[in-house]
Amino acid sequence: MSIKYMSAVWEDTLLEGNERLVMLAIADSGCGVDAPLPTLETISHKANLSVERTRQIIKSLVAKGYLNIEVQP
């Protein structure tokens, strides 16, 4: 299923640079609708970014509507 999501990132987004890289790292983890987001450490390792920079990018992706994060109790 990760190929489906990775293809969508390549084809359907206007993201560039580190934002695209973070989205690809998330997609590569097989994360989809109602699936848990990989850890920040996993995403940052795949994207070769610091955890703090990855956190900032994820916040930006949420603000732009590319990600929807819900905290589960």
PDB file of N, CA and C in Angstrom:
ATOM      1  N   MET A   1       0.804  -1.189   0.000  1.00  0.00           N
ATOM      2  CA  MET A   1       0.000   0.000   0.000  1.00  0.00           C
ATOM      3  C   MET A   1       0.855   1.265   0.000  1.00  0.00           C
ATOM      4  N   SER A   2       2.078   1.182   0.462  1.00  0.00           N
ATOM      5  CA  SER A   2       2.923   2.377   0.516  1.00  0.00           C
ATOM      6  C   SER A   2       3.219   2.921  -0.878  1.00  0.00           C
ATOM      7  N   ILE A   3       3.278   2.055  -1.885  1.00  0.00           N
ATOM      8  CA  ILE A   3       3.538   2.535  -3.247  1.00  0.00           C
ATOM      9  C   ILE A   3       2.400   3.433  -3.714  1.00  0.00           C
ATOM     10  N   LYS A   4       1.176   3.077  -3.362  1.00  0.00           N
ATOM     11  CA  LYS A   4       0.015   3.895  -3.717  1.00  0.00           C
ATOM     12  C   LYS A   4       0.154   5.298  -3.121  1.00  0.00           C
ATOM     13  N   TYR A   5       0.521   5.375  -1.854  1.00  0.00           N
ATOM     14  CA  TYR A   5       0.649   6.668  -1.188  1.00  0.00           C
ATOM     15  C   TYR A   5       1.868   7.437  -1.686  1.00  0.00           C
ATOM     16  N   MET A   6       2.959   6.739  -1.940  1.00  0.00           N
ATOM     17  CA  MET A   6       4.148   7.415  -2.467  1.00  0.00           C
ATOM     18  C   MET A   6       3.861   7.983  -3.856  1.00  0.00           C
ATOM     19  N   SER A   7       3.161   7.227  -4.685  1.00  0.00           N
ATOM     20  CA  SER A   7       2.799   7.717  -6.019  1.00  0.00           C
ATOM     21  C   SER A   7       1.943   8.970  -5.917  1.00  0.00           C
ATOM     22  N   ALA A   8       1.031   8.987  -4.955  1.00  0.00           N
ATOM     23  CA  ALA A   8       0.186  10.165  -4.768  1.00  0.00           C
ATOM     24  C   ALA A   8       1.018  11.392  -4.393  1.00  0.00           C
ATOM     25  N   VAL A   9       2.028  11.195  -3.562  1.00  0.00           N
ATOM     26  CA  VAL A   9       2.899  12.318  -3.184  1.00  0.00           C
ATOM     27  C   VAL A   9       3.632  12.834  -4.422  1.00  0.00           C
ATOM     28  N   TRP A  10       4.157  11.932  -5.230  1.00  0.00           N
ATOM     29  CA  TRP A  10       4.878  12.334  -6.435  1.00  0.00           C
ATOM     30  C   TRP A  10       3.962  13.043  -7.432  1.00  0.00           C
ATOM     31  N   GLU A  11       2.750  12.526  -7.595  1.00  0.00           N
ATOM     32  CA  GLU A  11       1.889  13.001  -8.676  1.00  0.00           C
ATOM     33  C   GLU A  11       0.902  14.087  -8.279  1.00  0.00           C
ATOM     34  N   ASP A  12       0.415  14.067  -7.060  1.00  0.00           N
ATOM     35  CA  ASP A  12      -0.726  14.898  -6.710  1.00  0.00           C
ATOM     36  C   ASP A  12      -0.436  16.060  -5.769  1.00  0.00           C
ATOM     37  N   THR A  13       0.804  16.306  -5.448  1.00  0.00           N
ATOM     38  CA  THR A  13       1.076  17.403  -4.527  1.00  0.00           C
ATOM     39  C   THR A  13       1.967  18.452  -5.182  1.00  0.00           C
ATOM     40  N   LEU A  14       1.884  19.630  -4.634  1.00  0.00           N
ATOM     41  CA  LEU A  14       2.745  20.722  -5.080  1.00  0.00           C
ATOM     42  C   LEU A  14       3.908  20.920  -4.115  1.00  0.00           C
ATOM     43  N   LEU A  15       4.092  19.953  -3.231  1.00  0.00           N
ATOM     44  CA  LEU A  15       5.144  20.061  -2.230  1.00  0.00           C
ATOM     45  C   LEU A  15       6.518  19.974  -2.869  1.00  0.00           C
ATOM     46  N   GLU A  16       7.458  20.664  -2.244  1.00  0.00           N
ATOM     47  CA  GLU A  16       8.838  20.645  -2.709  1.00  0.00           C
ATOM     48  C   GLU A  16       9.768  20.441  -1.530  1.00  0.00           C
ATOM     49  N   GLY A  17      10.994  20.128  -1.822  1.00  0.00           N
ATOM     50  CA  GLY A  17      12.046  20.064  -0.826  1.00  0.00           C
ATOM     51  C   GLY A  17      11.747  19.148   0.346  1.00  0.00           C
ATOM     52  N   ASN A  18      12.040  19.655   1.548  1.00  0.00           N
ATOM     53  CA  ASN A  18      11.898  18.837   2.749  1.00  0.00           C
ATOM     54  C   ASN A  18      10.457  18.446   3.042  1.00  0.00           C
ATOM     55  N   GLU A  19       9.495  19.287   2.650  1.00  0.00           N
ATOM     56  CA  GLU A  19       8.099  18.909   2.867  1.00  0.00           C
ATOM     57  C   GLU A  19       7.759  17.663   2.047  1.00  0.00           C
ATOM     58  N   ARG A  20       8.187  17.638   0.820  1.00  0.00           N
ATOM     59  CA  ARG A  20       7.940  16.464  -0.025  1.00  0.00           C
ATOM     60  C   ARG A  20       8.675  15.253   0.539  1.00  0.00           C
ATOM     61  N   LEU A  21       9.880  15.460   0.998  1.00  0.00           N
ATOM     62  CA  LEU A  21      10.677  14.364   1.554  1.00  0.00           C
ATOM     63  C   LEU A  21      10.009  13.763   2.789  1.00  0.00           C
ATOM     64  N   VAL A  22       9.485  14.601   3.663  1.00  0.00           N
ATOM     65  CA  VAL A  22       8.793  14.113   4.857  1.00  0.00           C
ATOM     66  C   VAL A  22       7.522  13.363   4.459  1.00  0.00           C
ATOM     67  N   MET A  23       6.754  13.897   3.506  1.00  0.00           N
ATOM     68  CA  MET A  23       5.552  13.189   3.051  1.00  0.00           C
ATOM     69  C   MET A  23       5.914  11.831   2.442  1.00  0.00           C
ATOM     70  N   LEU A  24       7.003  11.764   1.696  1.00  0.00           N
ATOM     71  CA  LEU A  24       7.437  10.489   1.126  1.00  0.00           C
ATOM     72  C   LEU A  24       7.863   9.519   2.224  1.00  0.00           C
ATOM     73  N   ALA A  25       8.518  10.019   3.246  1.00  0.00           N
ATOM     74  CA  ALA A  25       8.921   9.160   4.361  1.00  0.00           C
ATOM     75  C   ALA A  25       7.704   8.597   5.082  1.00  0.00           C
ATOM     76  N   ILE A  26       6.679   9.417   5.242  1.00  0.00           N
ATOM     77  CA  ILE A  26       5.439   8.952   5.871  1.00  0.00           C
ATOM     78  C   ILE A  26       4.756   7.931   4.971  1.00  0.00           C
ATOM     79  N   ALA A  27       4.657   8.232   3.687  1.00  0.00           N
ATOM     80  CA  ALA A  27       4.016   7.314   2.742  1.00  0.00           C
ATOM     81  C   ALA A  27       4.760   5.990   2.659  1.00  0.00           C
ATOM     82  N   ASP A  28       6.078   6.042   2.725  1.00  0.00           N
ATOM     83  CA  ASP A  28       6.896   4.828   2.652  1.00  0.00           C
ATOM     84  C   ASP A  28       6.638   3.905   3.842  1.00  0.00           C
ATOM     85  N   SER A  29       6.162   4.473   4.917  1.00  0.00           N
ATOM     86  CA  SER A  29       5.868   3.674   6.105  1.00  0.00           C
ATOM     87  C   SER A  29       4.519   2.967   5.998  1.00  0.00           C
ATOM     88  N   GLY A  30       3.819   3.168   4.902  1.00  0.00           N
ATOM     89  CA  GLY A  30       2.530   2.529   4.710  1.00  0.00           C
ATOM     90  C   GLY A  30       1.423   3.204   5.468  1.00  0.00           C
ATOM     91  N   CYS A  31       1.658   4.416   5.885  1.00  0.00           N
ATOM     92  CA  CYS A  31       0.675   5.160   6.668  1.00  0.00           C
ATOM     93  C   CYS A  31      -0.424   5.648   5.738  1.00  0.00           C
ATOM     94  N   GLY A  32      -1.651   5.339   6.085  1.00  0.00           N
ATOM     95  CA  GLY A  32      -2.781   5.781   5.285  1.00  0.00           C
ATOM     96  C   GLY A  32      -3.898   6.276   6.179  1.00  0.00           C
ATOM     97  N   VAL A  33      -5.067   6.325   5.643  1.00  0.00           N
ATOM     98  CA  VAL A  33      -6.230   6.774   6.396  1.00  0.00           C
ATOM     99  C   VAL A  33      -6.423   5.866   7.604  1.00  0.00           C
ATOM    100  N   ASP A  34      -6.572   6.463   8.761  1.00  0.00           N
ATOM    101  CA  ASP A  34      -6.791   5.760  10.029  1.00  0.00           C
ATOM    102  C   ASP A  34      -5.610   4.886  10.449  1.00  0.00           C
ATOM    103  N   ALA A  35      -4.464   5.060   9.848  1.00  0.00           N
ATOM    104  CA  ALA A  35      -3.275   4.306  10.252  1.00  0.00           C
ATOM    105  C   ALA A  35      -2.401   5.205  11.106  1.00  0.00           C
ATOM    106  N   PRO A  36      -1.701   4.628  12.055  1.00  0.00           N
ATOM    107  CA  PRO A  36      -0.852   5.466  12.911  1.00  0.00           C
ATOM    108  C   PRO A  36       0.325   6.070  12.148  1.00  0.00           C
ATOM    109  N   LEU A  37       0.629   7.294  12.492  1.00  0.00           N
ATOM    110  CA  LEU A  37       1.782   7.979  11.924  1.00  0.00           C
ATOM    111  C   LEU A  37       3.047   7.342  12.495  1.00  0.00           C
ATOM    112  N   PRO A  38       4.074   7.144  11.667  1.00  0.00           N
ATOM    113  CA  PRO A  38       5.341   6.650  12.226  1.00  0.00           C
ATOM    114  C   PRO A  38       5.880   7.652  13.253  1.00  0.00           C
ATOM    115  N   THR A  39       6.796   7.220  14.068  1.00  0.00           N
ATOM    116  CA  THR A  39       7.366   8.127  15.066  1.00  0.00           C
ATOM    117  C   THR A  39       8.147   9.247  14.385  1.00  0.00           C
ATOM    118  N   LEU A  40       8.302  10.347  15.094  1.00  0.00           N
ATOM    119  CA  LEU A  40       9.123  11.449  14.574  1.00  0.00           C
ATOM    120  C   LEU A  40      10.537  10.979  14.281  1.00  0.00           C
ATOM    121  N   GLU A  41      11.041  10.103  15.136  1.00  0.00           N
ATOM    122  CA  GLU A  41      12.395   9.590  14.945  1.00  0.00           C
ATOM    123  C   GLU A  41      12.509   8.800  13.642  1.00  0.00           C
ATOM    124  N   THR A  42      11.488   7.992  13.355  1.00  0.00           N
ATOM    125  CA  THR A  42      11.490   7.206  12.113  1.00  0.00           C
ATOM    126  C   THR A  42      11.423   8.112  10.895  1.00  0.00           C
ATOM    127  N   ILE A  43      10.513   9.073  10.930  1.00  0.00           N
ATOM    128  CA  ILE A  43      10.370   9.991   9.798  1.00  0.00           C
ATOM    129  C   ILE A  43      11.642  10.800   9.600  1.00  0.00           C
ATOM    130  N   SER A  44      12.188  11.337  10.679  1.00  0.00           N
ATOM    131  CA  SER A  44      13.393  12.169  10.561  1.00  0.00           C
ATOM    132  C   SER A  44      14.584  11.360  10.072  1.00  0.00           C
ATOM    133  N   HIS A  45      14.673  10.100  10.491  1.00  0.00           N
ATOM    134  CA  HIS A  45      15.766   9.239  10.019  1.00  0.00           C
ATOM    135  C   HIS A  45      15.635   9.000   8.516  1.00  0.00           C
ATOM    136  N   LYS A  46      14.435   8.670   8.054  1.00  0.00           N
ATOM    137  CA  LYS A  46      14.227   8.416   6.626  1.00  0.00           C
ATOM    138  C   LYS A  46      14.480   9.673   5.797  1.00  0.00           C
ATOM    139  N   ALA A  47      14.074  10.826   6.318  1.00  0.00           N
ATOM    140  CA  ALA A  47      14.232  12.085   5.585  1.00  0.00           C
ATOM    141  C   ALA A  47      15.599  12.728   5.805  1.00  0.00           C
ATOM    142  N   ASN A  48      16.394  12.147   6.707  1.00  0.00           N
ATOM    143  CA  ASN A  48      17.720  12.675   7.041  1.00  0.00           C
ATOM    144  C   ASN A  48      17.631  14.116   7.556  1.00  0.00           C
ATOM    145  N   LEU A  49      16.664  14.320   8.455  1.00  0.00           N
ATOM    146  CA  LEU A  49      16.445  15.627   9.072  1.00  0.00           C
ATOM    147  C   LEU A  49      16.450  15.467  10.581  1.00  0.00           C
ATOM    148  N   SER A  50      16.652  16.562  11.296  1.00  0.00           N
ATOM    149  CA  SER A  50      16.569  16.508  12.750  1.00  0.00           C
ATOM    150  C   SER A  50      15.113  16.291  13.163  1.00  0.00           C
ATOM    151  N   VAL A  51      14.928  15.785  14.359  1.00  0.00           N
ATOM    152  CA  VAL A  51      13.575  15.567  14.871  1.00  0.00           C
ATOM    153  C   VAL A  51      12.833  16.900  14.964  1.00  0.00           C
ATOM    154  N   GLU A  52      13.501  17.936  15.437  1.00  0.00           N
ATOM    155  CA  GLU A  52      12.857  19.247  15.560  1.00  0.00           C
ATOM    156  C   GLU A  52      12.437  19.785  14.187  1.00  0.00           C
ATOM    157  N   ARG A  53      13.296  19.667  13.188  1.00  0.00           N
ATOM    158  CA  ARG A  53      12.947  20.143  11.833  1.00  0.00           C
ATOM    159  C   ARG A  53      11.780  19.324  11.279  1.00  0.00           C
ATOM    160  N   THR A  54      11.786  18.025  11.526  1.00  0.00           N
ATOM    161  CA  THR A  54      10.691  17.167  11.081  1.00  0.00           C
ATOM    162  C   THR A  54       9.387  17.589  11.742  1.00  0.00           C
ATOM    163  N   ARG A  55       9.434  17.900  13.028  1.00  0.00           N
ATOM    164  CA  ARG A  55       8.248  18.362  13.757  1.00  0.00           C
ATOM    165  C   ARG A  55       7.707  19.648  13.119  1.00  0.00           C
ATOM    166  N   GLN A  56       8.586  20.575  12.787  1.00  0.00           N
ATOM    167  CA  GLN A  56       8.172  21.830  12.161  1.00  0.00           C
ATOM    168  C   GLN A  56       7.508  21.576  10.804  1.00  0.00           C
ATOM    169  N   ILE A  57       8.084  20.686  10.041  1.00  0.00           N
ATOM    170  CA  ILE A  57       7.546  20.380   8.710  1.00  0.00           C
ATOM    171  C   ILE A  57       6.183  19.716   8.829  1.00  0.00           C
ATOM    172  N   ILE A  58       6.036  18.803   9.780  1.00  0.00           N
ATOM    173  CA  ILE A  58       4.738  18.151   9.969  1.00  0.00           C
ATOM    174  C   ILE A  58       3.680  19.182  10.361  1.00  0.00           C
ATOM    175  N   LYS A  59       4.025  20.120  11.221  1.00  0.00           N
ATOM    176  CA  LYS A  59       3.081  21.187  11.582  1.00  0.00           C
ATOM    177  C   LYS A  59       2.678  21.985  10.345  1.00  0.00           C
ATOM    178  N   SER A  60       3.633  22.261   9.473  1.00  0.00           N
ATOM    179  CA  SER A  60       3.353  22.977   8.238  1.00  0.00           C
ATOM    180  C   SER A  60       2.442  22.158   7.324  1.00  0.00           C
ATOM    181  N   LEU A  61       2.686  20.863   7.230  1.00  0.00           N
ATOM    182  CA  LEU A  61       1.863  19.995   6.389  1.00  0.00           C
ATOM    183  C   LEU A  61       0.438  19.902   6.922  1.00  0.00           C
ATOM    184  N   VAL A  62       0.284  19.906   8.236  1.00  0.00           N
ATOM    185  CA  VAL A  62      -1.052  19.911   8.841  1.00  0.00           C
ATOM    186  C   VAL A  62      -1.749  21.236   8.509  1.00  0.00           C
ATOM    187  N   ALA A  63      -1.041  22.338   8.661  1.00  0.00           N
ATOM    188  CA  ALA A  63      -1.614  23.656   8.390  1.00  0.00           C
ATOM    189  C   ALA A  63      -2.044  23.798   6.927  1.00  0.00           C
ATOM    190  N   LYS A  64      -1.314  23.159   6.030  1.00  0.00           N
ATOM    191  CA  LYS A  64      -1.632  23.220   4.599  1.00  0.00           C
ATOM    192  C   LYS A  64      -2.688  22.194   4.188  1.00  0.00           C
ATOM    193  N   GLY A  65      -3.072  21.337   5.110  1.00  0.00           N
ATOM    194  CA  GLY A  65      -4.111  20.361   4.830  1.00  0.00           C
ATOM    195  C   GLY A  65      -3.637  19.049   4.226  1.00  0.00           C
ATOM    196  N   TYR A  66      -2.333  18.817   4.186  1.00  0.00           N
ATOM    197  CA  TYR A  66      -1.811  17.566   3.642  1.00  0.00           C
ATOM    198  C   TYR A  66      -1.875  16.418   4.643  1.00  0.00           C
ATOM    199  N   LEU A  67      -1.854  16.747   5.916  1.00  0.00           N
ATOM    200  CA  LEU A  67      -1.949  15.737   6.974  1.00  0.00           C
ATOM    201  C   LEU A  67      -3.037  16.141   7.951  1.00  0.00           C
ATOM    202  N   ASN A  68      -3.668  15.145   8.533  1.00  0.00           N
ATOM    203  CA  ASN A  68      -4.631  15.354   9.594  1.00  0.00           C
ATOM    204  C   ASN A  68      -4.216  14.454  10.739  1.00  0.00           C
ATOM    205  N   ILE A  69      -3.836  15.036  11.848  1.00  0.00           N
ATOM    206  CA  ILE A  69      -3.354  14.245  12.975  1.00  0.00           C
ATOM    207  C   ILE A  69      -4.356  14.347  14.110  1.00  0.00           C
ATOM    208  N   GLU A  70      -4.799  13.197  14.571  1.00  0.00           N
ATOM    209  CA  GLU A  70      -5.701  13.120  15.706  1.00  0.00           C
ATOM    210  C   GLU A  70      -5.021  12.329  16.812  1.00  0.00           C
ATOM    211  N   VAL A  71      -5.025  12.879  18.005  1.00  0.00           N
ATOM    212  CA  VAL A  71      -4.424  12.209  19.148  1.00  0.00           C
ATOM    213  C   VAL A  71      -5.431  11.220  19.697  1.00  0.00           C
ATOM    214  N   GLN A  72      -5.019   9.967  19.806  1.00  0.00           N
ATOM    215  CA  GLN A  72      -5.882   8.923  20.331  1.00  0.00           C
ATOM    216  C   GLN A  72      -5.713   8.821  21.845  1.00  0.00           C
ATOM    217  N   PRO A  73      -6.812   8.631  22.583  1.00  0.00           N
ATOM    218  CA  PRO A  73      -6.709   8.527  24.040  1.00  0.00           C
ATOM    219  C   PRO A  73      -6.018   7.244  24.458  1.00  0.00           C
TER     220      PRO A  73
END
